[in-house]
Amino acid sequence: MSCCNPKIIDKGEEKKESLDLVCPKCKDKGTKVQTITLQSLLKECCQSEVERDIPYKFCKNSECEVVYFSSKKGHFFTKDELRVKATLKDAGLDVNVCYCFGHTRQSVLDELKSTGKTNVLDDVKVKMKDPGCFCETSNPQGNCCLGNITAWIKEAKGLIND
């Protein structure tokens, strides 16, 4: 099942795994990510440090260098250890807002400037059905990018109108 499809979540298990699990640097609560996300997106030199039997979270604080952290003291990974730039961790225009289908901030901005609108959301939604997305292994956040795309479109429209 793709991360972009609704899932049934055991709230009790989610709560138990996330108790007191905060980023060791900034104290952000983060969001749960699957081990496959870390294994897919960390540089090869860091992959052996991923422990399969402990939960990991993604730190959402854009100012924090930590990307993934666990409950194990001192066990975290920074944005320099990622193979790709993370949308929430890097404000560059070359950064993806959709990792599965290659949409960057710049490509969305260019489309808005040239046509006054963007079809990126429609494009992604169509492609999510066929061929399907693989956000768990391509997006450092480990989840669907539609929220990131929507936020960037709003911000980009503001940049154009200023």
C-alpha atoms as a PDB file:
ATOM      1  CA  MET A   1       0.000   0.000   0.000  1.00  0.00           C
ATOM      2  CA  SER A   2       1.373   3.409  -0.910  1.00  0.00           C
ATOM      3  CA  CYS A   3       1.824   6.083   1.738  1.00  0.00           C
ATOM      4  CA  CYS A   4      -0.527   8.345  -0.180  1.00  0.00           C
ATOM      5  CA  ASN A   5      -3.472   6.022   0.416  1.00  0.00           C
ATOM      6  CA  PRO A   6      -5.462   6.087   3.652  1.00  0.00           C
ATOM      7  CA  LYS A   7      -4.291   3.588   6.256  1.00  0.00           C
ATOM      8  CA  ILE A   8      -5.772   2.201   9.414  1.00  0.00           C
ATOM      9  CA  ILE A   9      -3.408   3.112  12.230  1.00  0.00           C
ATOM     10  CA  ASP A  10      -3.345   1.467  15.635  1.00  0.00           C
ATOM     11  CA  LYS A  11      -3.430   4.628  17.755  1.00  0.00           C
ATOM     12  CA  GLY A  12      -2.335   2.764  20.881  1.00  0.00           C
ATOM     13  CA  GLU A  13       0.817   1.426  19.245  1.00  0.00           C
ATOM     14  CA  GLU A  14       1.615   4.788  17.632  1.00  0.00           C
ATOM     15  CA  LYS A  15       1.250   6.546  21.001  1.00  0.00           C
ATOM     16  CA  LYS A  16       3.421   3.987  22.798  1.00  0.00           C
ATOM     17  CA  GLU A  17       6.252   4.266  20.239  1.00  0.00           C
ATOM     18  CA  SER A  18       6.254   8.062  20.227  1.00  0.00           C
ATOM     19  CA  LEU A  19       6.229   8.747  23.975  1.00  0.00           C
ATOM     20  CA  ASP A  20       9.107  11.063  24.892  1.00  0.00           C
ATOM     21  CA  LEU A  21      10.687  10.559  21.465  1.00  0.00           C
ATOM     22  CA  VAL A  22      11.871  14.032  20.458  1.00  0.00           C
ATOM     23  CA  CYS A  23      14.753  15.346  18.386  1.00  0.00           C
ATOM     24  CA  PRO A  24      17.902  15.373  20.525  1.00  0.00           C
ATOM     25  CA  LYS A  25      18.946  18.785  19.153  1.00  0.00           C
ATOM     26  CA  CYS A  26      15.779  20.897  18.873  1.00  0.00           C
ATOM     27  CA  LYS A  27      13.170  18.824  20.781  1.00  0.00           C
ATOM     28  CA  ASP A  28      10.798  18.647  17.766  1.00  0.00           C
ATOM     29  CA  LYS A  29       8.323  15.788  18.182  1.00  0.00           C
ATOM     30  CA  GLY A  30       8.885  14.716  14.584  1.00  0.00           C
ATOM     31  CA  THR A  31       6.890  12.246  12.548  1.00  0.00           C
ATOM     32  CA  LYS A  32       7.333   8.500  12.423  1.00  0.00           C
ATOM     33  CA  VAL A  33       9.248   7.082   9.451  1.00  0.00           C
ATOM     34  CA  GLN A  34       9.806   3.519   8.382  1.00  0.00           C
ATOM     35  CA  THR A  35      13.254   1.969   8.505  1.00  0.00           C
ATOM     36  CA  ILE A  36      13.086   1.495   4.709  1.00  0.00           C
ATOM     37  CA  THR A  37      13.076   5.305   4.360  1.00  0.00           C
ATOM     38  CA  LEU A  38      16.396   5.615   6.160  1.00  0.00           C
ATOM     39  CA  GLN A  39      17.881   2.648   4.324  1.00  0.00           C
ATOM     40  CA  SER A  40      16.874   4.145   0.979  1.00  0.00           C
ATOM     41  CA  LEU A  41      17.900   7.759   1.555  1.00  0.00           C
ATOM     42  CA  LEU A  42      20.958   7.773   3.772  1.00  0.00           C
ATOM     43  CA  LYS A  43      24.375   7.760   2.151  1.00  0.00           C
ATOM     44  CA  GLU A  44      25.917   4.320   1.881  1.00  0.00           C
ATOM     45  CA  CYS A  45      28.373   5.048   4.702  1.00  0.00           C
ATOM     46  CA  CYS A  46      25.486   5.563   7.151  1.00  0.00           C
ATOM     47  CA  GLN A  47      23.191   2.714   6.176  1.00  0.00           C
ATOM     48  CA  SER A  48      24.924   0.161   8.422  1.00  0.00           C
ATOM     49  CA  GLU A  49      24.148   2.365  11.434  1.00  0.00           C
ATOM     50  CA  VAL A  50      20.370   2.017  10.932  1.00  0.00           C
ATOM     51  CA  GLU A  51      18.908  -0.323  13.518  1.00  0.00           C
ATOM     52  CA  ARG A  52      15.875  -2.268  12.365  1.00  0.00           C
ATOM     53  CA  ASP A  53      14.378  -2.895  15.811  1.00  0.00           C
ATOM     54  CA  ILE A  54      13.982   0.698  17.016  1.00  0.00           C
ATOM     55  CA  PRO A  55      11.530   3.373  15.847  1.00  0.00           C
ATOM     56  CA  TYR A  56      12.770   6.440  13.983  1.00  0.00           C
ATOM     57  CA  LYS A  57      11.277   9.856  13.435  1.00  0.00           C
ATOM     58  CA  PHE A  58      11.842  12.667  10.935  1.00  0.00           C
ATOM     59  CA  CYS A  59      12.602  16.057  12.527  1.00  0.00           C
ATOM     60  CA  LYS A  60      10.365  18.655  10.850  1.00  0.00           C
ATOM     61  CA  ASN A  61      12.224  21.700  12.183  1.00  0.00           C
ATOM     62  CA  SER A  62      13.730  23.403   9.127  1.00  0.00           C
ATOM     63  CA  GLU A  63      16.416  25.080  11.261  1.00  0.00           C
ATOM     64  CA  CYS A  64      17.668  21.797  12.762  1.00  0.00           C
ATOM     65  CA  GLU A  65      20.469  19.761  11.156  1.00  0.00           C
ATOM     66  CA  VAL A  66      18.986  16.467  12.407  1.00  0.00           C
ATOM     67  CA  VAL A  67      16.853  14.593   9.890  1.00  0.00           C
ATOM     68  CA  TYR A  68      16.229  11.222  11.567  1.00  0.00           C
ATOM     69  CA  PHE A  69      16.384  10.385  15.258  1.00  0.00           C
ATOM     70  CA  SER A  70      15.555   7.494  17.547  1.00  0.00           C
ATOM     71  CA  SER A  71      15.018   6.859  21.236  1.00  0.00           C
ATOM     72  CA  LYS A  72      18.595   5.602  21.515  1.00  0.00           C
ATOM     73  CA  LYS A  73      20.747   8.345  23.049  1.00  0.00           C
ATOM     74  CA  GLY A  74      23.040   9.990  20.499  1.00  0.00           C
ATOM     75  CA  HIS A  75      21.595   7.954  17.619  1.00  0.00           C
ATOM     76  CA  PHE A  76      20.546  10.362  14.878  1.00  0.00           C
ATOM     77  CA  PHE A  77      21.352  11.300  11.285  1.00  0.00           C
ATOM     78  CA  THR A  78      21.906  14.799   9.884  1.00  0.00           C
ATOM     79  CA  LYS A  79      20.968  16.328   6.551  1.00  0.00           C
ATOM     80  CA  ASP A  80      24.589  15.990   5.367  1.00  0.00           C
ATOM     81  CA  GLU A  81      24.139  12.218   5.633  1.00  0.00           C
ATOM     82  CA  LEU A  82      21.221  12.175   3.158  1.00  0.00           C
ATOM     83  CA  ARG A  83      21.701  11.257  -0.507  1.00  0.00           C
ATOM     84  CA  VAL A  84      19.094  13.903  -1.484  1.00  0.00           C
ATOM     85  CA  LYS A  85      18.116  17.312  -0.181  1.00  0.00           C
ATOM     86  CA  ALA A  86      15.062  17.237   2.083  1.00  0.00           C
ATOM     87  CA  THR A  87      12.221  19.648   1.249  1.00  0.00           C
ATOM     88  CA  LEU A  88      11.728  20.740   4.860  1.00  0.00           C
ATOM     89  CA  LYS A  89      15.474  21.032   5.517  1.00  0.00           C
ATOM     90  CA  ASP A  90      16.662  22.964   2.444  1.00  0.00           C
ATOM     91  CA  ALA A  91      15.050  26.095   0.992  1.00  0.00           C
ATOM     92  CA  GLY A  92      16.853  25.846  -2.373  1.00  0.00           C
ATOM     93  CA  LEU A  93      14.933  26.037  -5.621  1.00  0.00           C
ATOM     94  CA  ASP A  94      16.644  22.864  -6.874  1.00  0.00           C
ATOM     95  CA  VAL A  95      15.047  20.817  -4.074  1.00  0.00           C
ATOM     96  CA  ASN A  96      12.239  18.410  -4.908  1.00  0.00           C
ATOM     97  CA  VAL A  97       8.713  19.043  -3.734  1.00  0.00           C
ATOM     98  CA  CYS A  98       7.795  15.662  -5.261  1.00  0.00           C
ATOM     99  CA  TYR A  99      10.488  13.002  -5.190  1.00  0.00           C
ATOM    100  CA  CYS A 100       8.560  10.291  -7.034  1.00  0.00           C
ATOM    101  CA  PHE A 101       7.912  12.352 -10.154  1.00  0.00           C
ATOM    102  CA  GLY A 102      10.755  14.869 -10.083  1.00  0.00           C
ATOM    103  CA  HIS A 103       8.981  18.162  -9.484  1.00  0.00           C
ATOM    104  CA  THR A 104      11.273  20.793  -7.963  1.00  0.00           C
ATOM    105  CA  ARG A 105      10.528  24.175  -6.471  1.00  0.00           C
ATOM    106  CA  GLN A 106      12.108  25.706  -9.568  1.00  0.00           C
ATOM    107  CA  SER A 107       9.975  23.713 -12.033  1.00  0.00           C
ATOM    108  CA  VAL A 108       6.785  24.737 -10.217  1.00  0.00           C
ATOM    109  CA  LEU A 109       7.922  28.364 -10.051  1.00  0.00           C
ATOM    110  CA  ASP A 110       8.817  28.373 -13.765  1.00  0.00           C
ATOM    111  CA  GLU A 111       5.403  26.984 -14.704  1.00  0.00           C
ATOM    112  CA  LEU A 112       3.648  29.595 -12.558  1.00  0.00           C
ATOM    113  CA  LYS A 113       5.703  32.389 -14.118  1.00  0.00           C
ATOM    114  CA  SER A 114       5.116  31.255 -17.698  1.00  0.00           C
ATOM    115  CA  THR A 115       1.449  30.224 -17.532  1.00  0.00           C
ATOM    116  CA  GLY A 116       0.080  31.850 -14.382  1.00  0.00           C
ATOM    117  CA  LYS A 117      -0.873  28.444 -12.979  1.00  0.00           C
ATOM    118  CA  THR A 118       0.598  25.032 -12.271  1.00  0.00           C
ATOM    119  CA  ASN A 119      -0.637  21.558 -13.038  1.00  0.00           C
ATOM    120  CA  VAL A 120       1.789  19.814 -10.703  1.00  0.00           C
ATOM    121  CA  LEU A 121      -0.888  18.654  -8.237  1.00  0.00           C
ATOM    122  CA  ASP A 122      -3.011  17.175 -11.023  1.00  0.00           C
ATOM    123  CA  ASP A 123       0.060  15.541 -12.571  1.00  0.00           C
ATOM    124  CA  VAL A 124       1.077  13.933  -9.289  1.00  0.00           C
ATOM    125  CA  LYS A 125      -2.452  12.745  -8.489  1.00  0.00           C
ATOM    126  CA  VAL A 126      -2.746  11.054 -11.896  1.00  0.00           C
ATOM    127  CA  LYS A 127       0.679   9.439 -11.571  1.00  0.00           C
ATOM    128  CA  MET A 128      -0.105   8.275  -8.020  1.00  0.00           C
ATOM    129  CA  LYS A 129      -2.708   5.998  -9.617  1.00  0.00           C
ATOM    130  CA  ASP A 130      -0.477   4.826 -12.470  1.00  0.00           C
ATOM    131  CA  PRO A 131       2.431   4.060 -12.173  1.00  0.00           C
ATOM    132  CA  GLY A 132       2.018   4.746  -8.441  1.00  0.00           C
ATOM    133  CA  CYS A 133       4.185   6.563  -5.945  1.00  0.00           C
ATOM    134  CA  PHE A 134       7.044   5.331  -3.809  1.00  0.00           C
ATOM    135  CA  CYS A 135       7.268   8.083  -1.188  1.00  0.00           C
ATOM    136  CA  GLU A 136       8.471   5.734   1.565  1.00  0.00           C
ATOM    137  CA  THR A 137      11.728   5.224  -0.340  1.00  0.00           C
ATOM    138  CA  SER A 138      12.118   8.507  -2.225  1.00  0.00           C
ATOM    139  CA  ASN A 139      10.889  11.295   0.099  1.00  0.00           C
ATOM    140  CA  PRO A 140      13.101  11.929   3.163  1.00  0.00           C
ATOM    141  CA  GLN A 141       9.929  12.593   5.167  1.00  0.00           C
ATOM    142  CA  GLY A 142       8.832   9.056   4.327  1.00  0.00           C
ATOM    143  CA  ASN A 143       5.318  10.118   3.420  1.00  0.00           C
ATOM    144  CA  CYS A 144       3.192  11.720   0.735  1.00  0.00           C
ATOM    145  CA  CYS A 145       4.443  14.991  -0.768  1.00  0.00           C
ATOM    146  CA  LEU A 146       1.072  16.586  -1.584  1.00  0.00           C
ATOM    147  CA  GLY A 147       1.261  18.824   1.491  1.00  0.00           C
ATOM    148  CA  ASN A 148       4.722  20.036   0.512  1.00  0.00           C
ATOM    149  CA  ILE A 149       3.573  20.733  -3.043  1.00  0.00           C
ATOM    150  CA  THR A 150       0.533  22.684  -1.883  1.00  0.00           C
ATOM    151  CA  ALA A 151       2.610  24.754   0.544  1.00  0.00           C
ATOM    152  CA  TRP A 152       5.209  25.538  -2.126  1.00  0.00           C
ATOM    153  CA  ILE A 153       2.590  26.569  -4.697  1.00  0.00           C
ATOM    154  CA  LYS A 154       1.151  29.045  -2.186  1.00  0.00           C
ATOM    155  CA  GLU A 155       4.605  30.398  -1.341  1.00  0.00           C
ATOM    156  CA  ALA A 156       5.654  30.579  -5.010  1.00  0.00           C
ATOM    157  CA  LYS A 157       2.514  32.490  -5.951  1.00  0.00           C
ATOM    158  CA  GLY A 158       3.409  34.977  -3.208  1.00  0.00           C
ATOM    159  CA  LEU A 159       6.923  35.343  -4.620  1.00  0.00           C
ATOM    160  CA  ILE A 160       5.558  36.075  -8.103  1.00  0.00           C
ATOM    161  CA  ASN A 161       3.028  38.603  -6.825  1.00  0.00           C
ATOM    162  CA  ASP A 162       5.551  40.533  -4.727  1.00  0.00           C
END
